[in-house]
Amino acid sequence: VASLIAATGNLDIPAYYLMAAGVIGAISVYAMKES
């Protein structure tokens, strides 16, 4: 994230990174059985 901000100057990079993680997490939870 620090490198992406240094390269692009976009201070919203942390938000985009978290959003992508949320999408991947939701797909994984869908594939998981309730325990």
PDB file of all heavy atoms in Angstrom:
ATOM      1  N   VAL A   1       0.836  -1.200   0.000  1.00  0.00           N
ATOM      2  CA  VAL A   1       0.000   0.000   0.000  1.00  0.00           C
ATOM      3  C   VAL A   1       0.874   1.254   0.000  1.00  0.00           C
ATOM      4  O   VAL A   1       0.598   2.218  -0.733  1.00  0.00           O
ATOM      5  CB  VAL A   1      -0.965  -0.014   1.201  1.00  0.00           C
ATOM      6  CG1 VAL A   1      -1.689   1.322   1.338  1.00  0.00           C
ATOM      7  CG2 VAL A   1      -1.990  -1.133   1.041  1.00  0.00           C
ATOM      8  N   ALA A   2       1.928   1.263   0.810  1.00  0.00           N
ATOM      9  CA  ALA A   2       2.832   2.419   0.830  1.00  0.00           C
ATOM     10  C   ALA A   2       3.472   2.634  -0.540  1.00  0.00           C
ATOM     11  O   ALA A   2       3.600   3.770  -1.011  1.00  0.00           O
ATOM     12  CB  ALA A   2       3.907   2.225   1.892  1.00  0.00           C
ATOM     13  N   SER A   3       3.870   1.554  -1.203  1.00  0.00           N
ATOM     14  CA  SER A   3       4.500   1.655  -2.521  1.00  0.00           C
ATOM     15  C   SER A   3       3.511   2.136  -3.573  1.00  0.00           C
ATOM     16  O   SER A   3       3.851   2.948  -4.438  1.00  0.00           O
ATOM     17  CB  SER A   3       5.081   0.295  -2.921  1.00  0.00           C
ATOM     18  OG  SER A   3       6.058  -0.129  -1.992  1.00  0.00           O
ATOM     19  N   LEU A   4       2.263   1.645  -3.523  1.00  0.00           N
ATOM     20  CA  LEU A   4       1.244   2.068  -4.481  1.00  0.00           C
ATOM     21  C   LEU A   4       0.913   3.550  -4.317  1.00  0.00           C
ATOM     22  O   LEU A   4       0.732   4.270  -5.305  1.00  0.00           O
ATOM     23  CB  LEU A   4      -0.014   1.222  -4.316  1.00  0.00           C
ATOM     24  CG  LEU A   4       0.074  -0.226  -4.810  1.00  0.00           C
ATOM     25  CD1 LEU A   4      -1.199  -0.997  -4.452  1.00  0.00           C
ATOM     26  CD2 LEU A   4       0.308  -0.269  -6.319  1.00  0.00           C
ATOM     27  N   ILE A   5       0.832   3.992  -3.072  1.00  0.00           N
ATOM     28  CA  ILE A   5       0.571   5.416  -2.846  1.00  0.00           C
ATOM     29  C   ILE A   5       1.740   6.255  -3.343  1.00  0.00           C
ATOM     30  O   ILE A   5       1.547   7.318  -3.965  1.00  0.00           O
ATOM     31  CB  ILE A   5       0.298   5.681  -1.350  1.00  0.00           C
ATOM     32  CG1 ILE A   5      -1.033   5.041  -0.932  1.00  0.00           C
ATOM     33  CG2 ILE A   5       0.267   7.179  -1.069  1.00  0.00           C
ATOM     34  CD1 ILE A   5      -1.343   5.173   0.540  1.00  0.00           C
ATOM     35  N   ALA A   6       2.983   5.791  -3.088  1.00  0.00           N
ATOM     36  CA  ALA A   6       4.158   6.530  -3.560  1.00  0.00           C
ATOM     37  C   ALA A   6       4.182   6.604  -5.083  1.00  0.00           C
ATOM     38  O   ALA A   6       4.590   7.615  -5.665  1.00  0.00           O
ATOM     39  CB  ALA A   6       5.427   5.865  -3.042  1.00  0.00           C
ATOM     40  N   ALA A   7       3.723   5.544  -5.765  1.00  0.00           N
ATOM     41  CA  ALA A   7       3.761   5.499  -7.227  1.00  0.00           C
ATOM     42  C   ALA A   7       2.623   6.289  -7.860  1.00  0.00           C
ATOM     43  O   ALA A   7       2.803   6.889  -8.928  1.00  0.00           O
ATOM     44  CB  ALA A   7       3.706   4.046  -7.698  1.00  0.00           C
ATOM     45  N   THR A   8       1.447   6.284  -7.215  1.00  0.00           N
ATOM     46  CA  THR A   8       0.261   6.893  -7.833  1.00  0.00           C
ATOM     47  C   THR A   8      -0.158   8.206  -7.201  1.00  0.00           C
ATOM     48  O   THR A   8      -0.859   9.004  -7.823  1.00  0.00           O
ATOM     49  CB  THR A   8      -0.936   5.927  -7.746  1.00  0.00           C
ATOM     50  OG1 THR A   8      -1.299   5.738  -6.365  1.00  0.00           O
ATOM     51  CG2 THR A   8      -0.586   4.580  -8.367  1.00  0.00           C
ATOM     52  N   GLY A   9       0.220   8.426  -5.949  1.00  0.00           N
ATOM     53  CA  GLY A   9      -0.238   9.610  -5.227  1.00  0.00           C
ATOM     54  C   GLY A   9      -1.686   9.521  -4.780  1.00  0.00           C
ATOM     55  O   GLY A   9      -2.228  10.498  -4.252  1.00  0.00           O
ATOM     56  N   ASN A  10      -2.312   8.361  -4.956  1.00  0.00           N
ATOM     57  CA  ASN A  10      -3.730   8.165  -4.611  1.00  0.00           C
ATOM     58  C   ASN A  10      -3.847   7.722  -3.157  1.00  0.00           C
ATOM     59  O   ASN A  10      -3.459   6.603  -2.809  1.00  0.00           O
ATOM     60  CB  ASN A  10      -4.353   7.131  -5.540  1.00  0.00           C
ATOM     61  CG  ASN A  10      -5.863   7.051  -5.391  1.00  0.00           C
ATOM     62  OD1 ASN A  10      -6.431   7.429  -4.359  1.00  0.00           O
ATOM     63  ND2 ASN A  10      -6.530   6.562  -6.427  1.00  0.00           N
ATOM     64  N   LEU A  11      -4.399   8.564  -2.313  1.00  0.00           N
ATOM     65  CA  LEU A  11      -4.506   8.259  -0.885  1.00  0.00           C
ATOM     66  C   LEU A  11      -5.672   7.326  -0.564  1.00  0.00           C
ATOM     67  O   LEU A  11      -5.831   6.919   0.591  1.00  0.00           O
ATOM     68  CB  LEU A  11      -4.659   9.557  -0.093  1.00  0.00           C
ATOM     69  CG  LEU A  11      -3.449  10.493  -0.112  1.00  0.00           C
ATOM     70  CD1 LEU A  11      -3.779  11.801   0.581  1.00  0.00           C
ATOM     71  CD2 LEU A  11      -2.243   9.827   0.539  1.00  0.00           C
ATOM     72  N   ASP A  12      -6.480   6.968  -1.568  1.00  0.00           N
ATOM     73  CA  ASP A  12      -7.595   6.048  -1.346  1.00  0.00           C
ATOM     74  C   ASP A  12      -7.196   4.584  -1.573  1.00  0.00           C
ATOM     75  O   ASP A  12      -8.041   3.694  -1.454  1.00  0.00           O
ATOM     76  CB  ASP A  12      -8.759   6.393  -2.280  1.00  0.00           C
ATOM     77  CG  ASP A  12      -9.391   7.732  -1.936  1.00  0.00           C
ATOM     78  OD1 ASP A  12      -9.374   8.104  -0.746  1.00  0.00           O
ATOM     79  OD2 ASP A  12      -9.893   8.407  -2.853  1.00  0.00           O
ATOM     80  N   ILE A  13      -5.945   4.335  -1.894  1.00  0.00           N
ATOM     81  CA  ILE A  13      -5.474   2.965  -2.127  1.00  0.00           C
ATOM     82  C   ILE A  13      -5.825   2.029  -0.961  1.00  0.00           C
ATOM     83  O   ILE A  13      -6.271   0.897  -1.193  1.00  0.00           O
ATOM     84  CB  ILE A  13      -3.947   2.952  -2.386  1.00  0.00           C
ATOM     85  CG1 ILE A  13      -3.634   3.611  -3.738  1.00  0.00           C
ATOM     86  CG2 ILE A  13      -3.400   1.533  -2.345  1.00  0.00           C
ATOM     87  CD1 ILE A  13      -4.106   2.851  -4.945  1.00  0.00           C
ATOM     88  N   PRO A  14      -5.652   2.437   0.308  1.00  0.00           N
ATOM     89  CA  PRO A  14      -6.017   1.521   1.400  1.00  0.00           C
ATOM     90  C   PRO A  14      -7.471   1.068   1.326  1.00  0.00           C
ATOM     91  O   PRO A  14      -7.776  -0.102   1.612  1.00  0.00           O
ATOM     92  CB  PRO A  14      -5.752   2.364   2.654  1.00  0.00           C
ATOM     93  CG  PRO A  14      -4.713   3.343   2.242  1.00  0.00           C
ATOM     94  CD  PRO A  14      -5.038   3.679   0.822  1.00  0.00           C
ATOM     95  N   ALA A  15      -8.383   1.962   0.948  1.00  0.00           N
ATOM     96  CA  ALA A  15      -9.800   1.590   0.851  1.00  0.00           C
ATOM     97  C   ALA A  15     -10.025   0.566  -0.251  1.00  0.00           C
ATOM     98  O   ALA A  15     -10.748  -0.429  -0.058  1.00  0.00           O
ATOM     99  CB  ALA A  15     -10.649   2.838   0.602  1.00  0.00           C
ATOM    100  N   TYR A  16      -9.421   0.783  -1.406  1.00  0.00           N
ATOM    101  CA  TYR A  16      -9.590  -0.161  -2.517  1.00  0.00           C
ATOM    102  C   TYR A  16      -9.035  -1.536  -2.151  1.00  0.00           C
ATOM    103  O   TYR A  16      -9.602  -2.574  -2.515  1.00  0.00           O
ATOM    104  CB  TYR A  16      -8.895   0.363  -3.773  1.00  0.00           C
ATOM    105  CG  TYR A  16      -9.382   1.717  -4.217  1.00  0.00           C
ATOM    106  CD1 TYR A  16      -8.514   2.633  -4.813  1.00  0.00           C
ATOM    107  CD2 TYR A  16     -10.714   2.108  -4.045  1.00  0.00           C
ATOM    108  CE1 TYR A  16      -8.949   3.889  -5.221  1.00  0.00           C
ATOM    109  CE2 TYR A  16     -11.160   3.361  -4.445  1.00  0.00           C
ATOM    110  CZ  TYR A  16     -10.280   4.240  -5.019  1.00  0.00           C
ATOM    111  OH  TYR A  16     -10.716   5.487  -5.421  1.00  0.00           O
ATOM    112  N   TYR A  17      -7.930  -1.549  -1.440  1.00  0.00           N
ATOM    113  CA  TYR A  17      -7.294  -2.801  -1.014  1.00  0.00           C
ATOM    114  C   TYR A  17      -8.225  -3.567  -0.061  1.00  0.00           C
ATOM    115  O   TYR A  17      -8.399  -4.776  -0.180  1.00  0.00           O
ATOM    116  CB  TYR A  17      -5.971  -2.462  -0.326  1.00  0.00           C
ATOM    117  CG  TYR A  17      -4.883  -3.495  -0.498  1.00  0.00           C
ATOM    118  CD1 TYR A  17      -4.201  -3.624  -1.702  1.00  0.00           C
ATOM    119  CD2 TYR A  17      -4.513  -4.319   0.556  1.00  0.00           C
ATOM    120  CE1 TYR A  17      -3.191  -4.553  -1.853  1.00  0.00           C
ATOM    121  CE2 TYR A  17      -3.500  -5.252   0.414  1.00  0.00           C
ATOM    122  CZ  TYR A  17      -2.841  -5.371  -0.795  1.00  0.00           C
ATOM    123  OH  TYR A  17      -1.842  -6.292  -0.946  1.00  0.00           O
ATOM    124  N   LEU A  18      -8.821  -2.850   0.881  1.00  0.00           N
ATOM    125  CA  LEU A  18      -9.742  -3.479   1.826  1.00  0.00           C
ATOM    126  C   LEU A  18     -10.994  -3.996   1.121  1.00  0.00           C
ATOM    127  O   LEU A  18     -11.509  -5.075   1.449  1.00  0.00           O
ATOM    128  CB  LEU A  18     -10.131  -2.480   2.915  1.00  0.00           C
ATOM    129  CG  LEU A  18      -9.038  -2.093   3.916  1.00  0.00           C
ATOM    130  CD1 LEU A  18      -9.512  -0.932   4.788  1.00  0.00           C
ATOM    131  CD2 LEU A  18      -8.653  -3.279   4.788  1.00  0.00           C
ATOM    132  N   MET A  19     -11.505  -3.257   0.161  1.00  0.00           N
ATOM    133  CA  MET A  19     -12.694  -3.685  -0.567  1.00  0.00           C
ATOM    134  C   MET A  19     -12.438  -4.977  -1.346  1.00  0.00           C
ATOM    135  O   MET A  19     -13.275  -5.895  -1.350  1.00  0.00           O
ATOM    136  CB  MET A  19     -13.153  -2.568  -1.509  1.00  0.00           C
ATOM    137  CG  MET A  19     -13.676  -1.332  -0.779  1.00  0.00           C
ATOM    138  SD  MET A  19     -13.907   0.100  -1.876  1.00  0.00           S
ATOM    139  CE  MET A  19     -15.303  -0.468  -2.832  1.00  0.00           C
ATOM    140  N   ALA A  20     -11.293  -5.056  -1.987  1.00  0.00           N
ATOM    141  CA  ALA A  20     -10.944  -6.281  -2.717  1.00  0.00           C
ATOM    142  C   ALA A  20     -10.848  -7.469  -1.763  1.00  0.00           C
ATOM    143  O   ALA A  20     -11.309  -8.582  -2.076  1.00  0.00           O
ATOM    144  CB  ALA A  20      -9.625  -6.086  -3.467  1.00  0.00           C
ATOM    145  N   ALA A  21     -10.259  -7.243  -0.592  1.00  0.00           N
ATOM    146  CA  ALA A  21     -10.168  -8.312   0.412  1.00  0.00           C
ATOM    147  C   ALA A  21     -11.548  -8.771   0.849  1.00  0.00           C
ATOM    148  O   ALA A  21     -11.789  -9.969   1.060  1.00  0.00           O
ATOM    149  CB  ALA A  21      -9.360  -7.826   1.615  1.00  0.00           C
ATOM    150  N   GLY A  22     -12.488  -7.828   0.986  1.00  0.00           N
ATOM    151  CA  GLY A  22     -13.846  -8.181   1.380  1.00  0.00           C
ATOM    152  C   GLY A  22     -14.534  -9.066   0.355  1.00  0.00           C
ATOM    153  O   GLY A  22     -15.248 -10.014   0.713  1.00  0.00           O
ATOM    154  N   VAL A  23     -14.340  -8.786  -0.920  1.00  0.00           N
ATOM    155  CA  VAL A  23     -14.949  -9.611  -1.977  1.00  0.00           C
ATOM    156  C   VAL A  23     -14.385 -11.032  -1.950  1.00  0.00           C
ATOM    157  O   VAL A  23     -15.132 -12.018  -2.016  1.00  0.00           O
ATOM    158  CB  VAL A  23     -14.713  -8.958  -3.360  1.00  0.00           C
ATOM    159  CG1 VAL A  23     -15.164  -9.900  -4.483  1.00  0.00           C
ATOM    160  CG2 VAL A  23     -15.453  -7.631  -3.454  1.00  0.00           C
ATOM    161  N   ILE A  24     -13.072 -11.148  -1.863  1.00  0.00           N
ATOM    162  CA  ILE A  24     -12.445 -12.466  -1.808  1.00  0.00           C
ATOM    163  C   ILE A  24     -12.896 -13.227  -0.562  1.00  0.00           C
ATOM    164  O   ILE A  24     -13.177 -14.440  -0.603  1.00  0.00           O
ATOM    165  CB  ILE A  24     -10.907 -12.327  -1.839  1.00  0.00           C
ATOM    166  CG1 ILE A  24     -10.465 -11.753  -3.185  1.00  0.00           C
ATOM    167  CG2 ILE A  24     -10.230 -13.673  -1.585  1.00  0.00           C
ATOM    168  CD1 ILE A  24      -9.003 -11.379  -3.251  1.00  0.00           C
ATOM    169  N   GLY A  25     -12.986 -12.528   0.564  1.00  0.00           N
ATOM    170  CA  GLY A  25     -13.440 -13.160   1.794  1.00  0.00           C
ATOM    171  C   GLY A  25     -14.850 -13.696   1.678  1.00  0.00           C
ATOM    172  O   GLY A  25     -15.150 -14.812   2.127  1.00  0.00           O
ATOM    173  N   ALA A  26     -15.760 -12.931   1.052  1.00  0.00           N
ATOM    174  CA  ALA A  26     -17.154 -13.366   0.914  1.00  0.00           C
ATOM    175  C   ALA A  26     -17.262 -14.620   0.055  1.00  0.00           C
ATOM    176  O   ALA A  26     -18.046 -15.537   0.366  1.00  0.00           O
ATOM    177  CB  ALA A  26     -17.986 -12.237   0.306  1.00  0.00           C
ATOM    178  N   ILE A  27     -16.481 -14.696  -1.018  1.00  0.00           N
ATOM    179  CA  ILE A  27     -16.480 -15.893  -1.867  1.00  0.00           C
ATOM    180  C   ILE A  27     -16.010 -17.105  -1.061  1.00  0.00           C
ATOM    181  O   ILE A  27     -16.580 -18.204  -1.159  1.00  0.00           O
ATOM    182  CB  ILE A  27     -15.579 -15.676  -3.097  1.00  0.00           C
ATOM    183  CG1 ILE A  27     -16.161 -14.575  -3.985  1.00  0.00           C
ATOM    184  CG2 ILE A  27     -15.407 -16.967  -3.881  1.00  0.00           C
ATOM    185  CD1 ILE A  27     -15.236 -14.132  -5.104  1.00  0.00           C
ATOM    186  N   SER A  28     -14.994 -16.920  -0.240  1.00  0.00           N
ATOM    187  CA  SER A  28     -14.454 -18.022   0.567  1.00  0.00           C
ATOM    188  C   SER A  28     -15.454 -18.483   1.624  1.00  0.00           C
ATOM    189  O   SER A  28     -15.607 -19.682   1.857  1.00  0.00           O
ATOM    190  CB  SER A  28     -13.146 -17.586   1.231  1.00  0.00           C
ATOM    191  OG  SER A  28     -12.200 -17.161   0.269  1.00  0.00           O
ATOM    192  N   VAL A  29     -16.131 -17.533   2.257  1.00  0.00           N
ATOM    193  CA  VAL A  29     -17.126 -17.898   3.271  1.00  0.00           C
ATOM    194  C   VAL A  29     -18.280 -18.667   2.631  1.00  0.00           C
ATOM    195  O   VAL A  29     -18.801 -19.620   3.212  1.00  0.00           O
ATOM    196  CB  VAL A  29     -17.650 -16.630   3.983  1.00  0.00           C
ATOM    197  CG1 VAL A  29     -18.797 -16.980   4.936  1.00  0.00           C
ATOM    198  CG2 VAL A  29     -16.522 -15.953   4.758  1.00  0.00           C
ATOM    199  N   TYR A  30     -18.664 -18.279   1.414  1.00  0.00           N
ATOM    200  CA  TYR A  30     -19.734 -18.985   0.706  1.00  0.00           C
ATOM    201  C   TYR A  30     -19.369 -20.455   0.483  1.00  0.00           C
ATOM    202  O   TYR A  30     -20.232 -21.339   0.564  1.00  0.00           O
ATOM    203  CB  TYR A  30     -20.004 -18.300  -0.630  1.00  0.00           C
ATOM    204  CG  TYR A  30     -21.053 -18.987  -1.467  1.00  0.00           C
ATOM    205  CD1 TYR A  30     -22.410 -18.825  -1.191  1.00  0.00           C
ATOM    206  CD2 TYR A  30     -20.686 -19.808  -2.536  1.00  0.00           C
ATOM    207  CE1 TYR A  30     -23.371 -19.458  -1.955  1.00  0.00           C
ATOM    208  CE2 TYR A  30     -21.642 -20.452  -3.307  1.00  0.00           C
ATOM    209  CZ  TYR A  30     -22.983 -20.277  -3.007  1.00  0.00           C
ATOM    210  OH  TYR A  30     -23.941 -20.910  -3.759  1.00  0.00           O
ATOM    211  N   ALA A  31     -18.073 -20.716   0.201  1.00  0.00           N
ATOM    212  CA  ALA A  31     -17.622 -22.080  -0.067  1.00  0.00           C
ATOM    213  C   ALA A  31     -17.401 -22.895   1.199  1.00  0.00           C
ATOM    214  O   ALA A  31     -17.117 -24.097   1.124  1.00  0.00           O
ATOM    215  CB  ALA A  31     -16.327 -22.040  -0.882  1.00  0.00           C
ATOM    216  N   MET A  32     -17.552 -22.281   2.341  1.00  0.00           N
ATOM    217  CA  MET A  32     -17.254 -22.925   3.619  1.00  0.00           C
ATOM    218  C   MET A  32     -18.522 -23.496   4.241  1.00  0.00           C
ATOM    219  O   MET A  32     -19.602 -22.948   4.074  1.00  0.00           O
ATOM    220  CB  MET A  32     -16.643 -21.874   4.549  1.00  0.00           C
ATOM    221  CG  MET A  32     -16.173 -22.345   5.884  1.00  0.00           C
ATOM    222  SD  MET A  32     -15.547 -20.911   6.818  1.00  0.00           S
ATOM    223  CE  MET A  32     -17.079 -20.105   7.263  1.00  0.00           C
ATOM    224  N   LYS A  33     -18.395 -24.601   4.965  1.00  0.00           N
ATOM    225  CA  LYS A  33     -19.524 -25.170   5.692  1.00  0.00           C
ATOM    226  C   LYS A  33     -19.606 -24.570   7.086  1.00  0.00           C
ATOM    227  O   LYS A  33     -18.589 -24.268   7.701  1.00  0.00           O
ATOM    228  CB  LYS A  33     -19.393 -26.687   5.776  1.00  0.00           C
ATOM    229  CG  LYS A  33     -19.548 -27.385   4.435  1.00  0.00           C
ATOM    230  CD  LYS A  33     -19.614 -28.891   4.607  1.00  0.00           C
ATOM    231  CE  LYS A  33     -19.872 -29.567   3.258  1.00  0.00           C
ATOM    232  NZ  LYS A  33     -20.018 -31.033   3.393  1.00  0.00           N
ATOM    233  N   GLU A  34     -20.815 -24.410   7.579  1.00  0.00           N
ATOM    234  CA  GLU A  34     -21.014 -23.904   8.938  1.00  0.00           C
ATOM    235  C   GLU A  34     -20.485 -24.918   9.950  1.00  0.00           C
ATOM    236  O   GLU A  34     -20.762 -26.115   9.849  1.00  0.00           O
ATOM    237  CB  GLU A  34     -22.502 -23.638   9.187  1.00  0.00           C
ATOM    238  CG  GLU A  34     -22.814 -23.077  10.558  1.00  0.00           C
ATOM    239  CD  GLU A  34     -22.093 -21.767  10.829  1.00  0.00           C
ATOM    240  OE1 GLU A  34     -22.440 -20.753  10.205  1.00  0.00           O
ATOM    241  OE2 GLU A  34     -21.169 -21.782  11.675  1.00  0.00           O
ATOM    242  N   SER A  35     -19.716 -24.439  10.919  1.00  0.00           N
ATOM    243  CA  SER A  35     -19.104 -25.343  11.895  1.00  0.00           C
ATOM    244  C   SER A  35     -19.558 -25.099  13.320  1.00  0.00           C
ATOM    245  O   SER A  35     -19.179 -25.838  14.226  1.00  0.00           O
ATOM    246  CB  SER A  35     -17.572 -25.209  11.835  1.00  0.00           C
ATOM    247  OG  SER A  35     -17.170 -23.881  12.139  1.00  0.00           O
TER     248      SER A  35
END
